[in-house]
Amino acid sequence: MIIKIDEYSDVPIYMQIRNQIVMGISSGELAGGDQLPTVRALALEIGINTMTVSKTYQMLKSEGYITTDRKNGARVRQQIEQSKVISEDNKRELRRIVSEARLSGVPKKEIQKLIDEYY
């Protein structure tokens, strides 16, 4: 999986990395047990500070998407606990996206089609 950073985005770099890893897990591009790059390797590859990658990995670990240990590094969790709820942050983000789409004249069916495609 290749991580791409948009330096001009308002989204912090650690969140861009987090979001791309979560999408990779969701899409199956990253499977349970897959090894993630070391903090140092990913930081060098992207050209960012190691503390940024470390923050990302700690966030992914606390959210239950990855496991980390000194011997094996960071890996995608074999079993990701499913809470069956959408976080309040995600609800706000979805509401913002739908609002912008509506203001742009995008039909509701088009949004539903995209949700079906991404789900």
N, C-alpha and C. Protein backbone atom coordinates (compact mmCIF):
# COMPACT_ATOMS: atom_id res chain seq x y z
N MET A 1 0.84 -1.18 0.00
CA MET A 1 0.00 0.00 0.00
C MET A 1 0.89 1.24 0.00
N ILE A 2 0.56 2.15 -0.88
CA ILE A 2 1.32 3.40 -0.97
C ILE A 2 0.53 4.51 -0.31
N ILE A 3 1.17 5.19 0.61
CA ILE A 3 0.54 6.31 1.32
C ILE A 3 0.94 7.60 0.61
N LYS A 4 -0.06 8.40 0.29
CA LYS A 4 0.18 9.67 -0.38
C LYS A 4 -0.28 10.81 0.53
N ILE A 5 0.59 11.76 0.72
CA ILE A 5 0.30 12.90 1.59
C ILE A 5 0.04 14.13 0.73
N ASP A 6 -1.04 14.84 1.07
CA ASP A 6 -1.35 16.11 0.42
C ASP A 6 -0.88 17.21 1.36
N GLU A 7 0.26 17.80 1.04
CA GLU A 7 0.85 18.83 1.90
C GLU A 7 -0.01 20.09 1.97
N TYR A 8 -0.92 20.27 1.04
CA TYR A 8 -1.75 21.47 1.01
C TYR A 8 -3.12 21.26 1.66
N SER A 9 -3.36 20.05 2.15
CA SER A 9 -4.64 19.73 2.78
C SER A 9 -4.72 20.34 4.17
N ASP A 10 -5.95 20.65 4.58
CA ASP A 10 -6.19 21.11 5.95
C ASP A 10 -6.15 19.95 6.94
N VAL A 11 -6.22 18.72 6.42
CA VAL A 11 -6.21 17.53 7.27
C VAL A 11 -4.76 17.28 7.71
N PRO A 12 -4.52 17.17 9.03
CA PRO A 12 -3.16 16.93 9.51
C PRO A 12 -2.56 15.65 8.90
N ILE A 13 -1.26 15.64 8.73
CA ILE A 13 -0.58 14.51 8.09
C ILE A 13 -0.86 13.21 8.82
N TYR A 14 -0.81 13.21 10.16
CA TYR A 14 -1.06 11.97 10.89
C TYR A 14 -2.45 11.42 10.61
N MET A 15 -3.42 12.31 10.39
CA MET A 15 -4.79 11.87 10.08
C MET A 15 -4.88 11.36 8.64
N GLN A 16 -4.14 11.97 7.73
CA GLN A 16 -4.13 11.48 6.35
C GLN A 16 -3.59 10.06 6.31
N ILE A 17 -2.51 9.80 7.06
CA ILE A 17 -1.94 8.46 7.11
C ILE A 17 -2.94 7.50 7.74
N ARG A 18 -3.51 7.91 8.86
CA ARG A 18 -4.50 7.07 9.57
C ARG A 18 -5.65 6.71 8.64
N ASN A 19 -6.20 7.72 7.97
CA ASN A 19 -7.35 7.49 7.12
C ASN A 19 -7.03 6.53 5.96
N GLN A 20 -5.86 6.68 5.38
CA GLN A 20 -5.48 5.80 4.27
C GLN A 20 -5.27 4.36 4.74
N ILE A 21 -4.72 4.18 5.93
CA ILE A 21 -4.55 2.82 6.46
C ILE A 21 -5.91 2.20 6.76
N VAL A 22 -6.81 2.97 7.37
CA VAL A 22 -8.16 2.46 7.67
C VAL A 22 -8.87 2.08 6.37
N MET A 23 -8.76 2.92 5.34
CA MET A 23 -9.40 2.60 4.06
C MET A 23 -8.76 1.36 3.43
N GLY A 24 -7.45 1.20 3.59
CA GLY A 24 -6.76 0.02 3.08
C GLY A 24 -7.24 -1.26 3.77
N ILE A 25 -7.47 -1.17 5.07
CA ILE A 25 -7.99 -2.33 5.81
C ILE A 25 -9.42 -2.63 5.36
N SER A 26 -10.23 -1.60 5.27
CA SER A 26 -11.63 -1.77 4.88
C SER A 26 -11.77 -2.36 3.48
N SER A 27 -10.92 -1.93 2.56
CA SER A 27 -11.01 -2.40 1.17
C SER A 27 -10.40 -3.78 0.98
N GLY A 28 -9.64 -4.25 1.96
CA GLY A 28 -8.99 -5.54 1.82
C GLY A 28 -7.58 -5.44 1.27
N GLU A 29 -7.16 -4.24 0.93
CA GLU A 29 -5.79 -4.04 0.45
C GLU A 29 -4.79 -4.40 1.55
N LEU A 30 -5.19 -4.16 2.80
CA LEU A 30 -4.41 -4.59 3.96
C LEU A 30 -5.24 -5.64 4.70
N ALA A 31 -4.68 -6.81 4.88
CA ALA A 31 -5.40 -7.91 5.53
C ALA A 31 -4.90 -8.10 6.96
N GLY A 32 -5.70 -8.78 7.75
CA GLY A 32 -5.31 -9.11 9.11
C GLY A 32 -3.96 -9.80 9.14
N GLY A 33 -3.06 -9.31 9.99
CA GLY A 33 -1.74 -9.89 10.10
C GLY A 33 -0.70 -9.23 9.22
N ASP A 34 -1.13 -8.41 8.25
CA ASP A 34 -0.17 -7.75 7.37
C ASP A 34 0.74 -6.82 8.18
N GLN A 35 2.01 -6.87 7.84
CA GLN A 35 3.02 -6.03 8.48
C GLN A 35 2.96 -4.63 7.89
N LEU A 36 2.95 -3.63 8.76
CA LEU A 36 3.05 -2.24 8.33
C LEU A 36 4.52 -1.84 8.36
N PRO A 37 4.89 -0.83 7.59
CA PRO A 37 6.29 -0.38 7.63
C PRO A 37 6.66 0.08 9.04
N THR A 38 7.94 0.01 9.37
CA THR A 38 8.37 0.54 10.65
C THR A 38 8.12 2.04 10.66
N VAL A 39 8.09 2.60 11.85
CA VAL A 39 7.89 4.05 11.98
C VAL A 39 8.96 4.78 11.18
N ARG A 40 10.19 4.37 11.35
CA ARG A 40 11.30 5.03 10.67
C ARG A 40 11.19 4.89 9.15
N ALA A 41 10.88 3.68 8.68
CA ALA A 41 10.79 3.44 7.23
C ALA A 41 9.68 4.27 6.59
N LEU A 42 8.50 4.31 7.23
CA LEU A 42 7.39 5.08 6.67
C LEU A 42 7.70 6.57 6.69
N ALA A 43 8.31 7.04 7.77
CA ALA A 43 8.67 8.46 7.85
C ALA A 43 9.65 8.83 6.75
N LEU A 44 10.65 7.99 6.51
CA LEU A 44 11.62 8.25 5.44
C LEU A 44 10.96 8.22 4.07
N GLU A 45 10.08 7.24 3.86
CA GLU A 45 9.40 7.09 2.57
C GLU A 45 8.56 8.32 2.23
N ILE A 46 7.86 8.84 3.24
CA ILE A 46 6.96 9.97 3.02
C ILE A 46 7.71 11.31 3.15
N GLY A 47 8.81 11.29 3.89
CA GLY A 47 9.56 12.52 4.11
C GLY A 47 9.01 13.35 5.24
N ILE A 48 8.62 12.66 6.33
CA ILE A 48 8.06 13.37 7.49
C ILE A 48 8.80 12.94 8.75
N ASN A 49 8.48 13.57 9.85
CA ASN A 49 9.08 13.27 11.15
C ASN A 49 8.58 11.92 11.67
N THR A 50 9.47 11.17 12.31
CA THR A 50 9.08 9.87 12.86
C THR A 50 8.00 10.00 13.93
N MET A 51 7.98 11.11 14.64
CA MET A 51 6.97 11.30 15.69
C MET A 51 5.56 11.36 15.10
N THR A 52 5.44 11.85 13.88
CA THR A 52 4.13 11.91 13.21
C THR A 52 3.62 10.51 12.93
N VAL A 53 4.49 9.64 12.42
CA VAL A 53 4.11 8.26 12.14
C VAL A 53 3.82 7.53 13.45
N SER A 54 4.64 7.77 14.46
CA SER A 54 4.42 7.15 15.77
C SER A 54 3.05 7.54 16.33
N LYS A 55 2.70 8.80 16.20
CA LYS A 55 1.38 9.28 16.67
C LYS A 55 0.26 8.56 15.93
N THR A 56 0.44 8.39 14.62
CA THR A 56 -0.55 7.69 13.81
C THR A 56 -0.72 6.25 14.27
N TYR A 57 0.39 5.55 14.45
CA TYR A 57 0.33 4.15 14.87
C TYR A 57 -0.30 4.01 16.25
N GLN A 58 0.01 4.93 17.15
CA GLN A 58 -0.60 4.87 18.49
C GLN A 58 -2.12 5.10 18.40
N MET A 59 -2.53 6.00 17.51
CA MET A 59 -3.96 6.24 17.32
C MET A 59 -4.64 5.00 16.75
N LEU A 60 -4.04 4.39 15.73
CA LEU A 60 -4.61 3.18 15.12
C LEU A 60 -4.66 2.04 16.13
N LYS A 61 -3.67 1.96 16.98
CA LYS A 61 -3.66 0.92 18.02
C LYS A 61 -4.78 1.16 19.02
N SER A 62 -4.93 2.40 19.47
CA SER A 62 -5.98 2.71 20.45
C SER A 62 -7.38 2.52 19.87
N GLU A 63 -7.51 2.68 18.55
CA GLU A 63 -8.80 2.47 17.89
C GLU A 63 -9.05 1.00 17.58
N GLY A 64 -8.04 0.16 17.79
CA GLY A 64 -8.21 -1.27 17.59
C GLY A 64 -7.96 -1.79 16.19
N TYR A 65 -7.32 -0.98 15.34
CA TYR A 65 -7.06 -1.40 13.96
C TYR A 65 -5.74 -2.16 13.81
N ILE A 66 -4.77 -1.83 14.65
CA ILE A 66 -3.47 -2.49 14.55
C ILE A 66 -2.99 -2.94 15.92
N THR A 67 -2.00 -3.82 15.91
CA THR A 67 -1.30 -4.20 17.13
C THR A 67 0.17 -3.81 16.93
N THR A 68 0.84 -3.52 18.01
CA THR A 68 2.26 -3.20 17.93
C THR A 68 3.00 -3.90 19.06
N ASP A 69 4.22 -4.32 18.76
CA ASP A 69 5.13 -4.78 19.79
C ASP A 69 6.55 -4.63 19.28
N ARG A 70 7.48 -4.63 20.20
CA ARG A 70 8.88 -4.36 19.84
C ARG A 70 9.45 -5.42 18.90
N LYS A 71 9.03 -6.65 19.07
CA LYS A 71 9.60 -7.75 18.28
C LYS A 71 9.04 -7.78 16.85
N ASN A 72 7.71 -7.63 16.71
CA ASN A 72 7.06 -7.78 15.41
C ASN A 72 6.64 -6.46 14.74
N GLY A 73 6.83 -5.35 15.41
CA GLY A 73 6.44 -4.06 14.84
C GLY A 73 4.93 -3.89 14.81
N ALA A 74 4.44 -3.17 13.82
CA ALA A 74 3.01 -2.88 13.69
C ALA A 74 2.40 -3.82 12.64
N ARG A 75 1.27 -4.40 13.02
CA ARG A 75 0.54 -5.30 12.13
C ARG A 75 -0.95 -4.98 12.20
N VAL A 76 -1.63 -5.26 11.09
CA VAL A 76 -3.09 -5.12 11.07
C VAL A 76 -3.66 -6.20 11.99
N ARG A 77 -4.62 -5.82 12.81
CA ARG A 77 -5.25 -6.79 13.73
C ARG A 77 -5.94 -7.88 12.93
N GLN A 78 -5.86 -9.09 13.45
CA GLN A 78 -6.55 -10.22 12.82
C GLN A 78 -8.07 -10.04 12.92
N GLN A 79 -8.54 -9.66 14.09
CA GLN A 79 -9.98 -9.44 14.33
C GLN A 79 -10.18 -8.01 14.78
N ILE A 80 -10.91 -7.25 14.02
CA ILE A 80 -11.21 -5.87 14.41
C ILE A 80 -12.60 -5.87 15.02
N GLU A 81 -12.67 -5.37 16.26
CA GLU A 81 -13.95 -5.34 16.97
C GLU A 81 -14.92 -4.40 16.27
N GLN A 82 -16.11 -4.88 16.05
CA GLN A 82 -17.13 -4.09 15.35
C GLN A 82 -18.11 -3.52 16.37
N SER A 83 -18.08 -2.21 16.52
CA SER A 83 -18.96 -1.55 17.49
C SER A 83 -20.38 -1.39 16.96
N LYS A 84 -20.55 -1.47 15.65
CA LYS A 84 -21.86 -1.33 14.99
C LYS A 84 -22.48 0.06 15.16
N VAL A 85 -21.65 1.06 15.49
CA VAL A 85 -22.13 2.44 15.60
C VAL A 85 -21.19 3.36 14.84
N ILE A 86 -21.73 4.47 14.38
CA ILE A 86 -20.94 5.50 13.69
C ILE A 86 -20.58 6.55 14.73
N SER A 87 -19.32 6.92 14.80
CA SER A 87 -18.88 7.91 15.78
C SER A 87 -19.51 9.27 15.49
N GLU A 88 -19.57 10.10 16.50
CA GLU A 88 -20.13 11.44 16.32
C GLU A 88 -19.30 12.25 15.33
N ASP A 89 -17.98 12.08 15.36
CA ASP A 89 -17.12 12.77 14.40
C ASP A 89 -17.47 12.36 12.97
N ASN A 90 -17.67 11.07 12.76
CA ASN A 90 -18.01 10.59 11.41
C ASN A 90 -19.39 11.05 10.98
N LYS A 91 -20.32 11.13 11.92
CA LYS A 91 -21.66 11.65 11.59
C LYS A 91 -21.56 13.10 11.15
N ARG A 92 -20.76 13.90 11.86
CA ARG A 92 -20.58 15.31 11.48
C ARG A 92 -19.94 15.43 10.10
N GLU A 93 -18.93 14.58 9.84
CA GLU A 93 -18.24 14.62 8.54
C GLU A 93 -19.20 14.21 7.42
N LEU A 94 -19.99 13.19 7.66
CA LEU A 94 -20.96 12.74 6.66
C LEU A 94 -22.00 13.83 6.41
N ARG A 95 -22.45 14.47 7.47
CA ARG A 95 -23.42 15.55 7.32
C ARG A 95 -22.84 16.69 6.48
N ARG A 96 -21.56 17.03 6.73
CA ARG A 96 -20.90 18.07 5.95
C ARG A 96 -20.82 17.69 4.48
N ILE A 97 -20.44 16.45 4.20
CA ILE A 97 -20.33 15.98 2.82
C ILE A 97 -21.68 16.01 2.12
N VAL A 98 -22.71 15.53 2.79
CA VAL A 98 -24.06 15.53 2.21
C VAL A 98 -24.53 16.96 1.98
N SER A 99 -24.26 17.85 2.92
CA SER A 99 -24.67 19.25 2.78
C SER A 99 -24.00 19.90 1.57
N GLU A 100 -22.70 19.66 1.42
CA GLU A 100 -21.99 20.23 0.27
C GLU A 100 -22.50 19.64 -1.04
N ALA A 101 -22.79 18.35 -1.04
CA ALA A 101 -23.32 17.71 -2.25
C ALA A 101 -24.69 18.30 -2.60
N ARG A 102 -25.53 18.48 -1.59
CA ARG A 102 -26.86 19.04 -1.82
C ARG A 102 -26.75 20.46 -2.38
N LEU A 103 -25.86 21.27 -1.80
CA LEU A 103 -25.68 22.64 -2.29
C LEU A 103 -25.11 22.66 -3.70
N SER A 104 -24.40 21.62 -4.07
CA SER A 104 -23.83 21.51 -5.42
C SER A 104 -24.82 20.93 -6.42
N GLY A 105 -26.01 20.55 -5.92
CA GLY A 105 -27.04 20.02 -6.81
C GLY A 105 -26.91 18.54 -7.11
N VAL A 106 -26.11 17.83 -6.33
CA VAL A 106 -25.94 16.38 -6.54
C VAL A 106 -27.22 15.69 -6.07
N PRO A 107 -27.84 14.87 -6.92
CA PRO A 107 -29.07 14.17 -6.52
C PRO A 107 -28.81 13.18 -5.38
N LYS A 108 -29.81 13.00 -4.53
CA LYS A 108 -29.71 12.08 -3.40
C LYS A 108 -29.35 10.67 -3.87
N LYS A 109 -29.91 10.26 -5.00
CA LYS A 109 -29.62 8.92 -5.53
C LYS A 109 -28.14 8.75 -5.84
N GLU A 110 -27.48 9.82 -6.27
CA GLU A 110 -26.04 9.76 -6.58
C GLU A 110 -25.24 9.53 -5.29
N ILE A 111 -25.63 10.20 -4.22
CA ILE A 111 -24.96 10.00 -2.93
C ILE A 111 -25.17 8.57 -2.46
N GLN A 112 -26.40 8.08 -2.56
CA GLN A 112 -26.69 6.71 -2.15
C GLN A 112 -25.90 5.70 -2.99
N LYS A 113 -25.76 5.99 -4.28
CA LYS A 113 -24.99 5.11 -5.16
C LYS A 113 -23.52 5.06 -4.72
N LEU A 114 -22.98 6.22 -4.37
CA LEU A 114 -21.59 6.27 -3.90
C LEU A 114 -21.42 5.52 -2.58
N ILE A 115 -22.38 5.67 -1.68
CA ILE A 115 -22.31 4.95 -0.41
C ILE A 115 -22.31 3.45 -0.67
N ASP A 116 -23.19 3.01 -1.55
CA ASP A 116 -23.24 1.57 -1.89
C ASP A 116 -21.91 1.12 -2.49
N GLU A 117 -21.33 1.93 -3.36
CA GLU A 117 -20.06 1.58 -3.99
C GLU A 117 -18.94 1.49 -2.97
N TYR A 118 -18.86 2.44 -2.06
CA TYR A 118 -17.78 2.46 -1.08
C TYR A 118 -17.98 1.45 0.03
N TYR A 119 -19.23 1.12 0.31
CA TYR A 119 -19.50 0.16 1.38
C TYR A 119 -19.13 -1.24 0.94
